[in-house]
């Protein structure tokens, strides 16, 4: 069916069981740390929102970016959520210690969106619960690609296996942290909270490195076609403009940043890969 083609221009729908990921990361720091006493208070940010959004963007333009949570305790995530255009769905738990039902609402919304919007080709679900297994079957039956994201220790193995592809959160964050550190030497502490990370000194170099890395991870090949790079950069930062950084073309930018990427002639297009010393 043509509407279910694998055309890379098709959009991505990203759904977050936000507290699920937050709690998993807290528990990995210290078992039992996200208990009844600590749950109902203002939370310190531990999720790198940007790393997850960028991973979703590697599969296509993100049309839906929706996170489910009891947001009254997650106000300290304000800046990264705003910067990454996350739509917040407020869920109040029906009882003092009850679950907020984020996984149920998420699954219902995902299926409704898939049925309403044929341009959605890929669904990304952030969360590690086995409760997501039924919706995985429905999404794949509808001919859409399902990507899961969760932590290594807390993700249910059956849920991970039910996805077309599963990415562990830790593998998404480590490359981004190293890139920020290399782009801003001496800026600091890799243990800093996500929204406190320093801005990179060289925006074009950072975006080029991240775009090529994400494309290569998606394709399973270090070399990527140059024609795919600028659209990926635009997904990572819609405000990016070559002329504002004094480049007449992507080729000119790549040439000036040969310390970041190396090039070769491919079968149909020039190809790029991140240099080892810059990764």
Protein backbone atom coordinates (compact mmCIF):
# COMPACT_ATOMS: atom_id res chain seq x y z
CA UNK A 1 0.00 0.00 0.00
CA UNK A 2 1.50 3.36 -1.03
CA UNK A 3 0.47 5.15 2.16
CA UNK A 4 2.57 2.68 4.15
CA UNK A 5 5.76 3.17 2.13
CA UNK A 6 9.10 3.42 3.85
CA UNK A 7 9.79 6.85 2.32
CA UNK A 8 12.14 8.67 4.67
CA UNK A 9 10.06 11.85 4.32
CA UNK A 10 7.35 10.25 6.47
CA UNK A 11 6.99 11.63 9.95
CA UNK A 12 7.81 10.40 13.43
CA UNK A 13 5.52 10.32 16.47
CA UNK A 14 7.39 10.40 19.79
CA UNK A 15 5.62 9.45 23.03
CA UNK A 16 7.21 9.67 26.49
CA UNK A 17 6.17 7.83 29.63
CA UNK A 18 8.21 10.56 31.27
CA UNK A 19 8.06 9.55 34.92
CA UNK A 20 8.88 5.96 33.98
CA UNK A 21 12.22 7.01 32.49
CA UNK A 22 12.91 9.53 35.25
CA UNK A 23 12.24 6.95 37.98
CA UNK A 24 14.40 4.34 36.23
CA UNK A 25 17.36 6.72 36.13
CA UNK A 26 16.89 7.62 39.80
CA UNK A 27 16.78 3.95 40.74
CA UNK A 28 19.96 3.26 38.79
CA UNK A 29 21.77 5.86 40.87
CA UNK A 30 20.57 4.32 44.12
CA UNK A 31 18.13 1.42 44.49
CA UNK A 32 14.98 2.46 46.32
CA UNK A 33 15.72 6.17 45.93
CA UNK A 34 12.50 6.85 44.01
CA UNK A 35 10.11 5.64 46.66
CA UNK A 36 6.87 6.88 48.14
CA UNK A 37 8.55 9.64 50.16
CA UNK A 38 10.66 11.08 47.35
CA UNK A 39 8.17 10.65 44.52
CA UNK A 40 5.77 13.38 45.62
CA UNK A 41 8.23 16.27 45.74
CA UNK A 42 9.96 18.55 43.24
CA UNK A 43 12.26 16.39 41.12
CA UNK A 44 15.82 17.16 40.05
CA UNK A 45 16.30 16.67 36.28
CA UNK A 46 18.19 13.54 35.27
CA UNK A 47 16.86 12.94 31.72
CA UNK A 48 18.75 14.29 28.72
CA UNK A 49 15.67 15.30 26.72
CA UNK A 50 17.68 16.50 23.74
CA UNK A 51 19.42 13.15 23.24
CA UNK A 52 16.09 11.31 22.96
CA UNK A 53 14.52 13.89 20.64
CA UNK A 54 17.56 13.81 18.36
CA UNK A 55 17.36 10.03 18.15
CA UNK A 56 13.70 10.28 17.13
CA UNK A 57 14.61 12.93 14.54
CA UNK A 58 17.10 10.55 12.95
CA UNK A 59 14.12 8.52 11.68
CA UNK A 60 12.36 11.50 10.08
CA UNK A 61 10.69 14.83 10.88
CA UNK A 62 9.11 14.72 14.33
CA UNK A 63 5.42 15.55 13.90
CA UNK A 64 4.25 14.53 17.40
CA UNK A 65 6.38 14.94 20.53
CA UNK A 66 4.17 14.26 23.53
CA UNK A 67 5.10 13.49 27.14
CA UNK A 68 2.79 12.11 29.84
CA UNK A 69 3.43 12.86 33.51
CA UNK A 70 2.18 14.49 36.70
CA UNK A 71 4.02 17.70 35.83
CA UNK A 72 3.47 19.43 39.18
CA UNK A 73 6.66 17.72 40.41
CA UNK A 74 8.75 18.14 37.23
CA UNK A 75 8.99 21.91 36.82
CA UNK A 76 12.79 21.81 36.81
CA UNK A 77 12.63 20.20 33.37
CA UNK A 78 11.03 23.35 31.99
CA UNK A 79 13.90 24.59 29.80
CA UNK A 80 14.85 21.34 28.00
CA UNK A 81 11.17 20.54 27.45
CA UNK A 82 10.52 23.97 25.94
CA UNK A 83 13.69 23.91 23.85
CA UNK A 84 12.72 20.57 22.35
CA UNK A 85 9.06 21.50 21.72
CA UNK A 86 7.61 18.73 23.90
CA UNK A 87 3.83 18.77 24.29
CA UNK A 88 3.00 18.10 27.94
CA UNK A 89 0.00 15.98 28.95
CA UNK A 90 -0.91 16.44 32.61
CA UNK A 91 -2.02 13.30 34.44
CA UNK A 92 -3.12 13.48 38.07
CA UNK A 93 -3.04 10.13 39.89
CA UNK A 94 -6.51 9.15 41.12
CA UNK A 95 -5.20 8.28 44.60
CA UNK A 96 -2.45 9.37 46.95
CA UNK A 97 -0.03 6.65 45.89
CA UNK A 98 -1.68 5.44 42.67
CA UNK A 99 -0.06 5.30 39.24
CA UNK A 100 -0.96 8.20 36.99
CA UNK A 101 -1.98 5.87 34.16
CA UNK A 102 0.49 7.39 31.71
CA UNK A 103 1.09 4.10 29.89
CA UNK A 104 -2.64 3.57 29.24
CA UNK A 105 -3.22 7.13 27.99
CA UNK A 106 -0.05 6.97 25.87
CA UNK A 107 -1.15 3.73 24.19
CA UNK A 108 -4.63 5.06 23.45
CA UNK A 109 -3.26 8.27 21.95
CA UNK A 110 -0.65 6.43 19.89
CA UNK A 111 -3.24 4.16 18.30
CA UNK A 112 -5.59 7.08 17.63
CA UNK A 113 -2.80 9.07 15.98
CA UNK A 114 -1.69 6.13 13.85
CA UNK A 115 -5.24 5.63 12.60
CA UNK A 116 -5.81 9.35 11.91
CA UNK A 117 -2.48 10.36 10.38
CA UNK A 118 -1.18 8.23 7.48
CA UNK A 119 1.97 10.35 7.23
CA UNK A 120 3.20 8.87 10.56
CA UNK A 121 5.65 6.18 9.50
CA UNK A 122 7.61 5.65 12.72
CA UNK A 123 6.42 5.54 16.33
CA UNK A 124 8.94 6.02 19.15
CA UNK A 125 7.85 5.03 22.67
CA UNK A 126 10.02 6.03 25.63
CA UNK A 127 9.41 3.70 28.55
CA UNK A 128 10.39 0.28 29.78
CA UNK A 129 7.13 -1.34 30.93
CA UNK A 130 5.78 -4.61 29.61
CA UNK A 131 2.42 -2.77 29.48
CA UNK A 132 3.48 -1.43 26.09
CA UNK A 133 3.58 -4.87 24.47
CA UNK A 134 -0.06 -4.91 23.27
CA UNK A 135 0.29 -1.53 21.55
CA UNK A 136 3.50 -2.71 19.87
CA UNK A 137 1.53 -5.46 18.14
CA UNK A 138 -1.11 -2.98 16.97
CA UNK A 139 1.42 -0.45 15.69
CA UNK A 140 3.31 -3.06 13.69
CA UNK A 141 0.07 -4.55 12.36
CA UNK A 142 -0.78 -1.06 11.06
CA UNK A 143 2.43 -1.16 9.02
CA UNK A 144 4.36 1.38 11.08
CA UNK A 145 7.90 1.03 12.41
CA UNK A 146 8.14 0.90 16.21
CA UNK A 147 11.23 2.14 18.07
CA UNK A 148 11.52 1.68 21.83
CA UNK A 149 13.73 3.62 24.25
CA UNK A 150 14.44 2.62 27.86
CA UNK A 151 17.18 2.08 30.41
CA UNK A 152 19.24 -1.10 30.44
CA UNK A 153 18.38 -2.20 33.96
CA UNK A 154 14.69 -1.31 34.06
CA UNK A 155 13.42 -2.21 30.59
CA UNK A 156 11.27 -5.33 30.30
CA UNK A 157 13.04 -7.68 27.88
CA UNK A 158 9.81 -8.85 26.26
CA UNK A 159 8.81 -5.26 25.50
CA UNK A 160 12.22 -4.53 24.00
CA UNK A 161 12.00 -7.65 21.79
CA UNK A 162 8.53 -6.65 20.59
CA UNK A 163 9.88 -3.48 18.96
CA UNK A 164 11.28 -3.26 15.44
CA UNK A 165 14.29 -1.59 17.02
CA UNK A 166 15.17 -0.77 20.63
CA UNK A 167 17.64 1.87 21.80
CA UNK A 168 18.99 1.89 25.33
CA UNK A 169 18.90 5.37 26.83
CA UNK A 170 22.48 5.12 28.03
CA UNK A 171 23.76 4.58 24.48
CA UNK A 172 21.99 7.76 23.35
CA UNK A 173 23.39 9.99 26.07
CA UNK A 174 27.07 8.97 26.08
CA UNK A 175 27.94 10.21 22.55
CA UNK A 176 26.12 13.52 23.07
CA UNK A 177 27.89 14.16 26.38
CA UNK A 178 31.29 13.52 24.81
CA UNK A 179 30.47 15.87 21.91
CA UNK A 180 29.43 18.68 24.25
CA UNK A 181 32.61 18.19 26.26
CA UNK A 182 34.83 18.24 23.16
CA UNK A 183 33.02 21.29 21.74
CA UNK A 184 33.48 23.25 24.98
CA UNK A 185 36.84 22.17 26.45
CA UNK A 186 37.23 22.86 30.13
CA UNK A 187 33.54 23.70 30.43
CA UNK A 188 33.10 21.17 32.82
CA UNK A 189 31.49 18.53 34.75
CA UNK A 190 30.00 15.61 32.80
CA UNK A 191 27.83 14.89 35.83
CA UNK A 192 26.00 18.20 35.38
CA UNK A 193 22.26 18.04 34.87
CA UNK A 194 21.17 18.03 31.20
CA UNK A 195 19.90 21.61 31.03
CA UNK A 196 23.07 22.86 32.76
CA UNK A 197 25.42 21.53 30.07
CA UNK A 198 27.51 24.30 28.45
CA UNK A 199 26.67 25.57 25.00
CA UNK A 200 29.17 24.37 22.37
CA UNK A 201 31.72 26.90 21.17
CA UNK A 202 31.31 25.98 17.48
CA UNK A 203 27.67 25.49 16.51
CA UNK A 204 28.23 24.37 12.88
CA UNK A 205 30.87 21.84 13.94
CA UNK A 206 28.69 20.43 16.70
CA UNK A 207 25.64 20.14 14.44
CA UNK A 208 27.62 18.56 11.61
CA UNK A 209 29.16 16.00 13.97
CA UNK A 210 25.82 15.12 15.55
CA UNK A 211 24.02 14.88 12.21
CA UNK A 212 26.59 12.54 10.69
CA UNK A 213 26.73 10.42 13.86
CA UNK A 214 22.95 10.00 14.02
CA UNK A 215 22.71 9.10 10.33
CA UNK A 216 25.52 6.58 10.63
CA UNK A 217 23.92 4.95 13.69
CA UNK A 218 20.62 4.69 11.87
CA UNK A 219 22.15 3.11 8.76
CA UNK A 220 24.74 0.96 10.53
CA UNK A 221 27.52 2.42 8.38
CA UNK A 222 30.04 5.08 9.37
CA UNK A 223 29.82 6.66 5.89
CA UNK A 224 26.67 8.66 5.07
CA UNK A 225 25.57 10.48 1.92
CA UNK A 226 26.15 14.22 2.02
CA UNK A 227 22.66 14.91 0.62
CA UNK A 228 21.14 13.54 3.85
CA UNK A 229 23.20 15.73 6.18
CA UNK A 230 21.61 19.18 5.80
CA UNK A 231 18.03 17.87 6.29
CA UNK A 232 19.24 16.14 9.47
CA UNK A 233 20.91 19.34 10.69
CA UNK A 234 17.60 21.17 10.11
CA UNK A 235 15.78 18.58 12.21
CA UNK A 236 18.28 19.02 15.03
CA UNK A 237 18.12 22.82 14.84
CA UNK A 238 15.39 24.35 12.64
CA UNK A 239 16.97 27.81 13.16
CA UNK A 240 20.27 26.85 11.54
CA UNK A 241 21.13 28.96 8.50
CA UNK A 242 24.29 28.40 6.46
CA UNK A 243 24.55 32.08 5.50
CA UNK A 244 24.43 33.23 9.12
CA UNK A 245 27.60 31.20 9.67
CA UNK A 246 29.19 32.62 6.50
CA UNK A 247 28.85 29.49 4.38
CA UNK A 248 27.54 29.63 0.80
CA UNK A 249 26.68 25.91 0.78
CA UNK A 250 26.91 22.71 2.80
CA UNK A 251 29.96 21.75 0.71
CA UNK A 252 31.70 24.93 1.85
CA UNK A 253 30.85 24.19 5.47
CA UNK A 254 32.11 20.60 5.20
CA UNK A 255 35.34 21.79 3.58
CA UNK A 256 36.00 24.30 6.38
CA UNK A 257 35.26 21.66 9.03
CA UNK A 258 37.53 18.91 7.69
CA UNK A 259 38.83 18.42 11.22
CA UNK A 260 35.34 17.21 12.19
CA UNK A 261 34.45 14.98 9.23
CA UNK A 262 36.31 13.30 6.41
CA UNK A 263 34.96 12.87 2.89
CA UNK A 264 35.15 10.38 0.06
CA UNK A 265 33.52 9.86 -3.33
CA UNK A 266 30.57 7.47 -3.02
CA UNK A 267 28.74 5.53 -5.74
CA UNK A 268 26.10 8.27 -6.20
CA UNK A 269 27.10 11.10 -3.90
CA UNK A 270 29.93 12.43 -1.80
CA UNK A 271 30.03 10.65 1.57
CA UNK A 272 31.01 11.83 5.04
CA UNK A 273 32.00 10.25 8.31
CA UNK A 274 33.03 11.61 11.69
CA UNK A 275 36.78 11.65 12.21
CA UNK A 276 37.97 9.41 15.05
CA UNK A 277 39.71 12.31 16.75
CA UNK A 278 36.47 14.32 16.76
CA UNK A 279 34.08 11.61 17.96
